[in-house]
């Protein structure tokens, strides 16, 4: 059984961050050409749970005192949700493991020596793509939790990992532009 422990600070940062991501995602969804195809109940649940795995990582600056490296928070959250109820939380777990950056390919995971499964972890469903996109606009930095990042700042951050993550983000950006 996976044991995750969280400090009040970690849980509060996760709650505020997730709330900001949800509000952004919902606003984007309602203005998009996909507005009628989005499962808004699932969107809210999955957004609020997408970073649940941070309670198992070592990130003292945000009150997380687990043992795992931060990059594993998606995998930890997915594993925990599947442990709770593999049927009820199957879709939620997929969001956890696929929302990192603009998603990760197996090749990127291998090339980076990342402690993640050697398979593509790319968002596929509308909700996965939307949460991945909206998540990029907010950090978990306690001093800037509710501050929305600019598009340029997101692009500069993703560009550090090469052209592919930036290209995937641009596809998500284009996808979620308001319907004319």
N, C-alpha and C. Protein backbone atom coordinates (compact mmCIF):
# COMPACT_ATOMS: atom_id res chain seq x y z
N UNK A 1 0.84 -1.18 0.00
CA UNK A 1 0.00 0.00 0.00
C UNK A 1 0.89 1.25 0.00
N UNK A 2 0.54 2.19 -0.82
CA UNK A 2 1.29 3.45 -0.91
C UNK A 2 0.92 4.32 0.27
N UNK A 3 1.92 4.84 0.94
CA UNK A 3 1.69 5.73 2.06
C UNK A 3 2.13 7.14 1.66
N UNK A 4 1.23 8.07 1.68
CA UNK A 4 1.53 9.46 1.38
C UNK A 4 1.18 10.29 2.60
N UNK A 5 2.06 11.22 2.92
CA UNK A 5 1.81 12.10 4.04
C UNK A 5 1.95 13.53 3.56
N UNK A 6 1.11 14.40 4.08
CA UNK A 6 1.14 15.78 3.63
C UNK A 6 1.08 16.73 4.81
N UNK A 7 1.80 17.82 4.68
CA UNK A 7 1.68 18.87 5.67
C UNK A 7 0.51 19.76 5.28
N UNK A 8 0.03 20.54 6.22
CA UNK A 8 -1.05 21.48 5.92
C UNK A 8 -0.62 22.46 4.83
N UNK A 9 0.64 22.87 4.86
CA UNK A 9 1.16 23.80 3.84
C UNK A 9 1.10 23.17 2.45
N UNK A 10 1.52 21.93 2.33
CA UNK A 10 1.49 21.22 1.05
C UNK A 10 0.06 21.12 0.53
N UNK A 11 -0.86 20.72 1.39
CA UNK A 11 -2.25 20.58 0.97
C UNK A 11 -2.87 21.92 0.58
N UNK A 12 -2.53 22.97 1.29
CA UNK A 12 -3.07 24.29 0.96
C UNK A 12 -2.52 24.79 -0.37
N UNK A 13 -1.24 24.59 -0.61
CA UNK A 13 -0.64 24.99 -1.89
C UNK A 13 -1.28 24.19 -3.02
N UNK A 14 -1.45 22.89 -2.82
CA UNK A 14 -2.09 22.06 -3.84
C UNK A 14 -3.52 22.52 -4.10
N UNK A 15 -4.26 22.85 -3.05
CA UNK A 15 -5.65 23.29 -3.20
C UNK A 15 -5.74 24.59 -3.98
N UNK A 16 -4.92 25.57 -3.60
CA UNK A 16 -4.96 26.86 -4.28
C UNK A 16 -4.53 26.72 -5.74
N UNK A 17 -3.44 26.00 -5.96
CA UNK A 17 -2.96 25.79 -7.33
C UNK A 17 -4.04 25.10 -8.18
N UNK A 18 -4.60 24.04 -7.64
CA UNK A 18 -5.60 23.28 -8.39
C UNK A 18 -6.84 24.11 -8.67
N UNK A 19 -7.23 24.94 -7.72
CA UNK A 19 -8.39 25.83 -7.92
C UNK A 19 -8.11 26.81 -9.06
N UNK A 20 -6.92 27.39 -9.09
CA UNK A 20 -6.55 28.31 -10.17
C UNK A 20 -6.56 27.60 -11.52
N UNK A 21 -6.02 26.40 -11.56
CA UNK A 21 -5.97 25.63 -12.81
C UNK A 21 -7.40 25.29 -13.25
N UNK A 22 -8.25 24.89 -12.31
CA UNK A 22 -9.63 24.57 -12.67
C UNK A 22 -10.35 25.79 -13.23
N UNK A 23 -10.24 26.91 -12.56
CA UNK A 23 -10.94 28.11 -13.02
C UNK A 23 -10.48 28.51 -14.42
N UNK A 24 -9.19 28.41 -14.67
CA UNK A 24 -8.65 28.70 -16.01
C UNK A 24 -9.18 27.69 -17.02
N UNK A 25 -9.13 26.41 -16.68
CA UNK A 25 -9.58 25.36 -17.59
C UNK A 25 -11.06 25.50 -17.92
N UNK A 26 -11.87 25.76 -16.92
CA UNK A 26 -13.31 25.90 -17.16
C UNK A 26 -13.61 27.10 -18.06
N UNK A 27 -12.94 28.19 -17.81
CA UNK A 27 -13.14 29.39 -18.64
C UNK A 27 -12.75 29.12 -20.09
N UNK A 28 -11.60 28.47 -20.27
CA UNK A 28 -11.14 28.12 -21.62
C UNK A 28 -12.14 27.19 -22.29
N UNK A 29 -12.57 26.17 -21.57
CA UNK A 29 -13.48 25.17 -22.14
C UNK A 29 -14.78 25.80 -22.60
N UNK A 30 -15.36 26.63 -21.78
CA UNK A 30 -16.67 27.22 -22.10
C UNK A 30 -16.60 28.14 -23.32
N UNK A 31 -15.45 28.71 -23.60
CA UNK A 31 -15.29 29.60 -24.76
C UNK A 31 -14.79 28.86 -26.00
N UNK A 32 -14.48 27.59 -25.85
CA UNK A 32 -13.86 26.84 -26.95
C UNK A 32 -14.89 26.17 -27.85
N UNK A 33 -14.42 25.68 -28.98
CA UNK A 33 -15.28 24.92 -29.89
C UNK A 33 -15.64 23.56 -29.31
N UNK A 34 -15.01 23.19 -28.20
CA UNK A 34 -15.27 21.90 -27.54
C UNK A 34 -16.20 22.04 -26.34
N UNK A 35 -16.80 23.20 -26.17
CA UNK A 35 -17.58 23.50 -24.97
C UNK A 35 -18.64 22.43 -24.67
N UNK A 36 -19.30 21.92 -25.69
CA UNK A 36 -20.36 20.93 -25.47
C UNK A 36 -19.84 19.52 -25.29
N UNK A 37 -18.57 19.30 -25.56
CA UNK A 37 -18.00 17.95 -25.47
C UNK A 37 -17.27 17.70 -24.15
N UNK A 38 -17.07 18.72 -23.36
CA UNK A 38 -16.33 18.60 -22.10
C UNK A 38 -17.23 18.05 -21.00
N UNK A 39 -16.70 17.12 -20.23
CA UNK A 39 -17.37 16.61 -19.04
C UNK A 39 -16.92 17.52 -17.88
N UNK A 40 -17.76 18.49 -17.55
CA UNK A 40 -17.36 19.52 -16.59
C UNK A 40 -17.26 18.98 -15.16
N UNK A 41 -18.04 17.99 -14.83
CA UNK A 41 -17.91 17.39 -13.49
C UNK A 41 -16.56 16.69 -13.38
N UNK A 42 -16.22 15.89 -14.39
CA UNK A 42 -14.92 15.23 -14.39
C UNK A 42 -13.80 16.26 -14.45
N UNK A 43 -13.96 17.30 -15.24
CA UNK A 43 -12.93 18.34 -15.34
C UNK A 43 -12.62 18.91 -13.96
N UNK A 44 -13.64 19.22 -13.20
CA UNK A 44 -13.42 19.77 -11.85
C UNK A 44 -12.71 18.76 -10.95
N UNK A 45 -13.21 17.54 -10.93
CA UNK A 45 -12.60 16.51 -10.08
C UNK A 45 -11.14 16.28 -10.47
N UNK A 46 -10.90 16.07 -11.75
CA UNK A 46 -9.55 15.74 -12.21
C UNK A 46 -8.59 16.90 -12.01
N UNK A 47 -9.06 18.10 -12.20
CA UNK A 47 -8.19 19.26 -11.98
C UNK A 47 -7.82 19.37 -10.50
N UNK A 48 -8.77 19.14 -9.64
CA UNK A 48 -8.49 19.24 -8.22
C UNK A 48 -7.57 18.11 -7.74
N UNK A 49 -7.50 17.02 -8.49
CA UNK A 49 -6.66 15.88 -8.10
C UNK A 49 -5.38 15.73 -8.92
N UNK A 50 -5.19 16.56 -9.94
CA UNK A 50 -4.09 16.33 -10.89
C UNK A 50 -2.71 16.34 -10.24
N UNK A 51 -2.53 17.08 -9.17
CA UNK A 51 -1.23 17.17 -8.50
C UNK A 51 -1.20 16.46 -7.16
N UNK A 52 -2.13 15.54 -6.93
CA UNK A 52 -2.22 14.88 -5.64
C UNK A 52 -0.92 14.20 -5.24
N UNK A 53 -0.17 13.75 -6.21
CA UNK A 53 1.08 13.05 -5.93
C UNK A 53 2.17 13.90 -5.33
N UNK A 54 1.99 15.22 -5.28
CA UNK A 54 3.05 16.05 -4.67
C UNK A 54 3.24 15.72 -3.20
N UNK A 55 2.24 15.13 -2.59
CA UNK A 55 2.39 14.80 -1.17
C UNK A 55 3.39 13.67 -0.94
N UNK A 56 3.84 13.03 -2.01
CA UNK A 56 4.85 11.98 -1.87
C UNK A 56 6.23 12.38 -2.36
N UNK A 57 6.39 13.65 -2.75
CA UNK A 57 7.68 14.08 -3.29
C UNK A 57 8.46 14.91 -2.28
N UNK A 58 9.73 15.06 -2.57
CA UNK A 58 10.58 15.89 -1.72
C UNK A 58 10.67 17.29 -2.33
N UNK A 59 9.88 18.19 -1.78
CA UNK A 59 9.86 19.59 -2.22
C UNK A 59 9.58 20.45 -0.99
N UNK A 60 10.57 20.58 -0.10
CA UNK A 60 10.36 21.27 1.18
C UNK A 60 9.84 22.70 1.05
N UNK A 61 10.19 23.38 -0.06
CA UNK A 61 9.75 24.76 -0.22
C UNK A 61 8.23 24.88 -0.34
N UNK A 62 7.56 23.77 -0.68
CA UNK A 62 6.10 23.80 -0.72
C UNK A 62 5.49 22.85 0.32
N UNK A 63 6.28 22.48 1.31
CA UNK A 63 5.79 21.69 2.43
C UNK A 63 5.61 20.22 2.13
N UNK A 64 6.33 19.71 1.13
CA UNK A 64 6.23 18.29 0.77
C UNK A 64 7.51 17.59 1.20
N UNK A 65 7.37 16.59 2.04
CA UNK A 65 8.54 15.94 2.62
C UNK A 65 8.58 14.44 2.35
N UNK A 66 8.13 14.05 1.17
CA UNK A 66 8.22 12.65 0.77
C UNK A 66 9.64 12.33 0.31
N UNK A 67 9.81 11.17 -0.26
CA UNK A 67 11.13 10.71 -0.70
C UNK A 67 11.34 10.82 -2.21
N UNK A 68 10.28 10.91 -2.97
CA UNK A 68 10.40 10.85 -4.44
C UNK A 68 10.80 12.18 -5.04
N UNK A 69 11.48 12.14 -6.19
CA UNK A 69 11.78 13.39 -6.90
C UNK A 69 10.48 13.99 -7.43
N UNK A 70 10.46 15.30 -7.58
CA UNK A 70 9.25 16.02 -7.99
C UNK A 70 8.68 15.50 -9.30
N UNK A 71 9.51 15.15 -10.25
CA UNK A 71 9.05 14.69 -11.57
C UNK A 71 8.12 13.49 -11.45
N UNK A 72 8.17 12.80 -10.31
CA UNK A 72 7.34 11.61 -10.11
C UNK A 72 5.96 11.91 -9.55
N UNK A 73 5.63 13.19 -9.34
CA UNK A 73 4.35 13.47 -8.69
C UNK A 73 3.15 12.98 -9.49
N UNK A 74 3.24 12.98 -10.80
CA UNK A 74 2.14 12.47 -11.62
C UNK A 74 1.95 10.97 -11.44
N UNK A 75 3.05 10.25 -11.43
CA UNK A 75 2.99 8.80 -11.24
C UNK A 75 2.50 8.43 -9.85
N UNK A 76 2.96 9.18 -8.85
CA UNK A 76 2.52 8.91 -7.47
C UNK A 76 1.03 9.16 -7.32
N UNK A 77 0.56 10.28 -7.86
CA UNK A 77 -0.87 10.59 -7.78
C UNK A 77 -1.71 9.54 -8.48
N UNK A 78 -1.26 9.12 -9.67
CA UNK A 78 -1.99 8.09 -10.42
C UNK A 78 -2.04 6.78 -9.63
N UNK A 79 -0.91 6.39 -9.07
CA UNK A 79 -0.85 5.14 -8.31
C UNK A 79 -1.76 5.20 -7.08
N UNK A 80 -1.75 6.33 -6.40
CA UNK A 80 -2.58 6.46 -5.21
C UNK A 80 -4.07 6.40 -5.57
N UNK A 81 -4.46 7.09 -6.63
CA UNK A 81 -5.87 7.07 -7.03
C UNK A 81 -6.30 5.68 -7.48
N UNK A 82 -5.42 4.99 -8.18
CA UNK A 82 -5.75 3.61 -8.60
C UNK A 82 -5.85 2.68 -7.40
N UNK A 83 -5.06 2.96 -6.39
CA UNK A 83 -5.13 2.16 -5.16
C UNK A 83 -6.46 2.40 -4.45
N UNK A 84 -6.91 3.65 -4.45
CA UNK A 84 -8.18 3.96 -3.79
C UNK A 84 -9.36 3.26 -4.46
N UNK A 85 -9.41 3.38 -5.78
CA UNK A 85 -10.49 2.76 -6.53
C UNK A 85 -10.11 2.77 -8.01
N UNK A 86 -9.60 1.65 -8.52
CA UNK A 86 -9.08 1.62 -9.88
C UNK A 86 -10.12 1.89 -10.96
N UNK A 87 -11.37 1.62 -10.66
CA UNK A 87 -12.42 1.88 -11.65
C UNK A 87 -12.88 3.33 -11.56
N UNK A 88 -13.24 3.76 -10.37
CA UNK A 88 -13.76 5.12 -10.16
C UNK A 88 -12.75 6.18 -10.59
N UNK A 89 -11.46 5.95 -10.30
CA UNK A 89 -10.45 6.97 -10.55
C UNK A 89 -9.54 6.69 -11.75
N UNK A 90 -9.94 5.81 -12.63
CA UNK A 90 -9.10 5.48 -13.78
C UNK A 90 -8.81 6.70 -14.65
N UNK A 91 -9.82 7.48 -14.97
CA UNK A 91 -9.63 8.66 -15.82
C UNK A 91 -8.84 9.74 -15.07
N UNK A 92 -9.09 9.88 -13.80
CA UNK A 92 -8.38 10.88 -12.99
C UNK A 92 -6.89 10.54 -12.94
N UNK A 93 -6.59 9.25 -12.79
CA UNK A 93 -5.19 8.80 -12.71
C UNK A 93 -4.46 9.11 -14.01
N UNK A 94 -5.14 8.94 -15.13
CA UNK A 94 -4.52 9.27 -16.43
C UNK A 94 -4.16 10.75 -16.49
N UNK A 95 -5.00 11.60 -15.97
CA UNK A 95 -4.68 13.04 -15.95
C UNK A 95 -3.42 13.26 -15.12
N UNK A 96 -3.35 12.64 -13.96
CA UNK A 96 -2.17 12.79 -13.10
C UNK A 96 -0.89 12.47 -13.86
N UNK A 97 -0.86 11.33 -14.52
CA UNK A 97 0.38 10.88 -15.13
C UNK A 97 0.69 11.53 -16.47
N UNK A 98 -0.25 12.23 -17.08
CA UNK A 98 -0.05 12.80 -18.41
C UNK A 98 0.02 14.32 -18.45
N UNK A 99 -0.10 14.99 -17.32
CA UNK A 99 -0.19 16.45 -17.34
C UNK A 99 1.15 17.17 -17.21
N UNK A 100 2.23 16.47 -17.02
CA UNK A 100 3.53 17.10 -16.77
C UNK A 100 4.01 17.88 -18.00
N UNK A 101 4.24 19.16 -17.83
CA UNK A 101 4.69 20.02 -18.93
C UNK A 101 3.64 20.06 -20.02
N UNK A 102 4.01 19.53 -21.18
CA UNK A 102 3.04 19.38 -22.29
C UNK A 102 2.90 17.89 -22.60
N UNK A 103 3.21 17.07 -21.59
CA UNK A 103 3.26 15.63 -21.76
C UNK A 103 4.70 15.22 -22.03
N UNK A 104 4.96 13.95 -21.89
CA UNK A 104 6.32 13.43 -22.11
C UNK A 104 6.26 12.21 -23.02
N UNK A 105 7.21 12.11 -23.93
CA UNK A 105 7.30 10.92 -24.76
C UNK A 105 8.23 9.91 -24.10
N UNK A 106 8.11 8.66 -24.51
CA UNK A 106 9.01 7.62 -24.00
C UNK A 106 10.45 7.98 -24.31
N UNK A 107 10.69 8.53 -25.50
CA UNK A 107 12.05 8.92 -25.90
C UNK A 107 12.59 10.01 -24.98
N UNK A 108 11.77 10.97 -24.62
CA UNK A 108 12.21 12.04 -23.71
C UNK A 108 12.49 11.49 -22.32
N UNK A 109 11.67 10.56 -21.88
CA UNK A 109 11.87 9.95 -20.57
C UNK A 109 13.19 9.18 -20.54
N UNK A 110 13.44 8.39 -21.58
CA UNK A 110 14.69 7.63 -21.67
C UNK A 110 15.90 8.54 -21.80
N UNK A 111 15.82 9.51 -22.71
CA UNK A 111 16.95 10.42 -22.95
C UNK A 111 17.30 11.23 -21.71
N UNK A 112 16.27 11.60 -20.95
CA UNK A 112 16.49 12.39 -19.74
C UNK A 112 16.82 11.56 -18.52
N UNK A 113 16.78 10.24 -18.66
CA UNK A 113 17.02 9.37 -17.51
C UNK A 113 16.01 9.60 -16.40
N UNK A 114 14.79 9.93 -16.78
CA UNK A 114 13.76 10.26 -15.79
C UNK A 114 13.23 9.00 -15.11
N UNK A 115 12.96 9.09 -13.82
CA UNK A 115 12.46 7.92 -13.08
C UNK A 115 10.96 7.71 -13.31
N UNK A 116 10.61 7.52 -14.58
CA UNK A 116 9.22 7.34 -14.99
C UNK A 116 9.12 6.11 -15.88
N UNK A 117 7.92 5.58 -16.05
CA UNK A 117 7.76 4.44 -16.96
C UNK A 117 8.24 4.81 -18.36
N UNK A 118 8.84 3.87 -19.04
CA UNK A 118 9.37 4.12 -20.38
C UNK A 118 8.25 3.93 -21.41
N UNK A 119 7.33 4.88 -21.38
CA UNK A 119 6.21 4.90 -22.32
C UNK A 119 5.74 6.33 -22.49
N UNK A 120 5.00 6.57 -23.55
CA UNK A 120 4.48 7.91 -23.77
C UNK A 120 3.49 8.27 -22.66
N UNK A 121 3.66 9.46 -22.13
CA UNK A 121 2.75 10.01 -21.12
C UNK A 121 2.23 11.34 -21.66
N UNK A 122 1.50 11.24 -22.75
CA UNK A 122 0.98 12.42 -23.45
C UNK A 122 -0.52 12.52 -23.22
N UNK A 123 -1.03 13.73 -23.03
CA UNK A 123 -2.48 13.88 -22.87
C UNK A 123 -3.19 13.48 -24.17
N UNK A 124 -4.28 12.75 -24.03
CA UNK A 124 -5.01 12.26 -25.20
C UNK A 124 -6.45 12.75 -25.26
N UNK A 125 -7.16 12.71 -24.14
CA UNK A 125 -8.57 13.13 -24.16
C UNK A 125 -8.66 14.65 -24.09
N UNK A 126 -9.84 15.16 -24.40
CA UNK A 126 -10.04 16.62 -24.32
C UNK A 126 -9.71 17.14 -22.93
N UNK A 127 -10.21 16.46 -21.91
CA UNK A 127 -9.98 16.93 -20.55
C UNK A 127 -8.50 16.85 -20.16
N UNK A 128 -7.82 15.78 -20.56
CA UNK A 128 -6.39 15.67 -20.30
C UNK A 128 -5.63 16.81 -20.96
N UNK A 129 -5.96 17.10 -22.21
CA UNK A 129 -5.29 18.18 -22.94
C UNK A 129 -5.58 19.53 -22.31
N UNK A 130 -6.81 19.74 -21.88
CA UNK A 130 -7.19 21.01 -21.29
C UNK A 130 -6.50 21.23 -19.94
N UNK A 131 -6.47 20.23 -19.10
CA UNK A 131 -5.83 20.36 -17.79
C UNK A 131 -4.32 20.55 -17.97
N UNK A 132 -3.72 19.82 -18.88
CA UNK A 132 -2.30 19.98 -19.17
C UNK A 132 -2.01 21.41 -19.60
N UNK A 133 -2.82 21.93 -20.50
CA UNK A 133 -2.64 23.29 -21.00
C UNK A 133 -2.80 24.32 -19.87
N UNK A 134 -3.91 24.25 -19.15
CA UNK A 134 -4.20 25.23 -18.10
C UNK A 134 -3.19 25.18 -16.96
N UNK A 135 -2.68 23.98 -16.67
CA UNK A 135 -1.72 23.81 -15.58
C UNK A 135 -0.45 24.62 -15.82
N UNK A 136 -0.07 24.79 -17.06
CA UNK A 136 1.15 25.54 -17.38
C UNK A 136 1.07 27.01 -16.98
N UNK A 137 -0.11 27.53 -16.76
CA UNK A 137 -0.27 28.94 -16.44
C UNK A 137 -0.06 29.27 -14.96
N UNK A 138 0.10 28.24 -14.12
CA UNK A 138 0.25 28.47 -12.69
C UNK A 138 1.36 27.61 -12.10
N UNK A 139 2.09 28.19 -11.17
CA UNK A 139 3.14 27.45 -10.47
C UNK A 139 2.66 27.11 -9.07
N UNK A 140 3.48 26.38 -8.36
CA UNK A 140 3.20 26.11 -6.96
C UNK A 140 4.12 26.92 -6.05
N UNK A 141 4.78 27.90 -6.64
CA UNK A 141 5.61 28.80 -5.84
C UNK A 141 4.70 29.53 -4.86
N UNK A 142 4.94 29.37 -3.56
CA UNK A 142 4.05 29.97 -2.57
C UNK A 142 3.88 31.49 -2.71
N UNK A 143 4.88 32.16 -3.26
CA UNK A 143 4.79 33.61 -3.41
C UNK A 143 4.02 34.03 -4.66
N UNK A 144 3.71 33.08 -5.53
CA UNK A 144 3.06 33.42 -6.81
C UNK A 144 1.95 32.44 -7.18
N UNK A 145 1.30 31.84 -6.20
CA UNK A 145 0.32 30.79 -6.45
C UNK A 145 -0.82 31.21 -7.38
N UNK A 146 -1.34 32.38 -7.19
CA UNK A 146 -2.50 32.80 -7.98
C UNK A 146 -2.12 33.69 -9.15
N UNK A 147 -0.84 33.91 -9.32
CA UNK A 147 -0.35 34.76 -10.41
C UNK A 147 -0.30 33.95 -11.71
N UNK A 148 -1.04 34.38 -12.71
CA UNK A 148 -1.06 33.67 -13.98
C UNK A 148 0.19 34.02 -14.79
N UNK A 149 0.87 32.99 -15.27
CA UNK A 149 2.06 33.19 -16.10
C UNK A 149 1.65 33.70 -17.48
N UNK A 150 2.54 34.45 -18.09
CA UNK A 150 2.31 34.89 -19.45
C UNK A 150 2.63 33.74 -20.41
N UNK A 151 2.08 33.84 -21.59
CA UNK A 151 2.36 32.85 -22.62
C UNK A 151 3.85 32.80 -22.92
N UNK A 152 4.49 33.95 -22.97
CA UNK A 152 5.93 34.01 -23.25
C UNK A 152 6.73 33.29 -22.17
N UNK A 153 6.35 33.47 -20.93
CA UNK A 153 7.06 32.82 -19.83
C UNK A 153 6.93 31.29 -19.90
N UNK A 154 5.73 30.83 -20.24
CA UNK A 154 5.50 29.39 -20.38
C UNK A 154 6.35 28.85 -21.53
N UNK A 155 6.33 29.54 -22.64
CA UNK A 155 7.09 29.10 -23.81
C UNK A 155 8.58 29.07 -23.52
N UNK A 156 9.09 30.08 -22.84
CA UNK A 156 10.52 30.10 -22.49
C UNK A 156 10.88 28.95 -21.56
N UNK A 157 10.00 28.65 -20.63
CA UNK A 157 10.25 27.55 -19.70
C UNK A 157 10.27 26.21 -20.43
N UNK A 158 9.30 25.97 -21.30
CA UNK A 158 9.24 24.71 -22.03
C UNK A 158 10.37 24.57 -23.04
N UNK A 159 10.82 25.69 -23.61
CA UNK A 159 11.89 25.66 -24.61
C UNK A 159 13.18 25.10 -24.03
N UNK A 160 13.36 25.20 -22.73
CA UNK A 160 14.57 24.67 -22.08
C UNK A 160 14.69 23.15 -22.26
N UNK A 161 13.56 22.51 -22.54
CA UNK A 161 13.54 21.05 -22.68
C UNK A 161 13.58 20.62 -24.15
N UNK A 162 13.80 21.56 -25.04
CA UNK A 162 13.90 21.25 -26.46
C UNK A 162 12.66 21.68 -27.22
N UNK A 163 12.70 21.50 -28.53
CA UNK A 163 11.60 21.98 -29.37
C UNK A 163 10.30 21.17 -29.24
N UNK A 164 10.39 19.89 -28.97
CA UNK A 164 9.19 19.04 -28.95
C UNK A 164 8.17 19.45 -27.88
N UNK A 165 8.59 19.67 -26.62
CA UNK A 165 7.60 20.11 -25.62
C UNK A 165 6.95 21.45 -25.99
N UNK A 166 7.75 22.33 -26.54
CA UNK A 166 7.23 23.64 -26.96
C UNK A 166 6.23 23.47 -28.11
N UNK A 167 6.54 22.60 -29.06
CA UNK A 167 5.62 22.35 -30.17
C UNK A 167 4.31 21.75 -29.67
N UNK A 168 4.39 20.82 -28.72
CA UNK A 168 3.17 20.21 -28.16
C UNK A 168 2.34 21.27 -27.45
N UNK A 169 3.01 22.16 -26.71
CA UNK A 169 2.28 23.21 -26.03
C UNK A 169 1.60 24.13 -27.05
N UNK A 170 2.27 24.45 -28.12
CA UNK A 170 1.69 25.32 -29.14
C UNK A 170 0.45 24.68 -29.76
N UNK A 171 0.50 23.38 -29.96
CA UNK A 171 -0.68 22.67 -30.47
C UNK A 171 -1.84 22.80 -29.48
N UNK A 172 -1.54 22.62 -28.20
CA UNK A 172 -2.58 22.79 -27.17
C UNK A 172 -3.09 24.22 -27.16
N UNK A 173 -2.19 25.16 -27.25
CA UNK A 173 -2.58 26.58 -27.26
C UNK A 173 -3.53 26.86 -28.43
N UNK A 174 -3.17 26.42 -29.61
CA UNK A 174 -4.01 26.64 -30.79
C UNK A 174 -5.37 25.95 -30.63
N UNK A 175 -5.34 24.76 -30.06
CA UNK A 175 -6.56 23.98 -29.87
C UNK A 175 -7.57 24.70 -28.98
N UNK A 176 -7.08 25.38 -27.95
CA UNK A 176 -7.96 25.95 -26.94
C UNK A 176 -8.26 27.44 -27.14
N UNK A 177 -7.96 27.96 -28.29
CA UNK A 177 -8.30 29.35 -28.55
C UNK A 177 -9.82 29.50 -28.62
N UNK A 178 -10.33 30.65 -28.16
CA UNK A 178 -11.80 30.85 -28.15
C UNK A 178 -12.42 30.66 -29.54
N UNK A 179 -13.63 30.16 -29.51
CA UNK A 179 -14.38 29.95 -30.74
C UNK A 179 -14.79 31.32 -31.29
N UNK A 180 -14.64 31.50 -32.58
CA UNK A 180 -15.02 32.80 -33.20
C UNK A 180 -16.49 32.87 -33.48
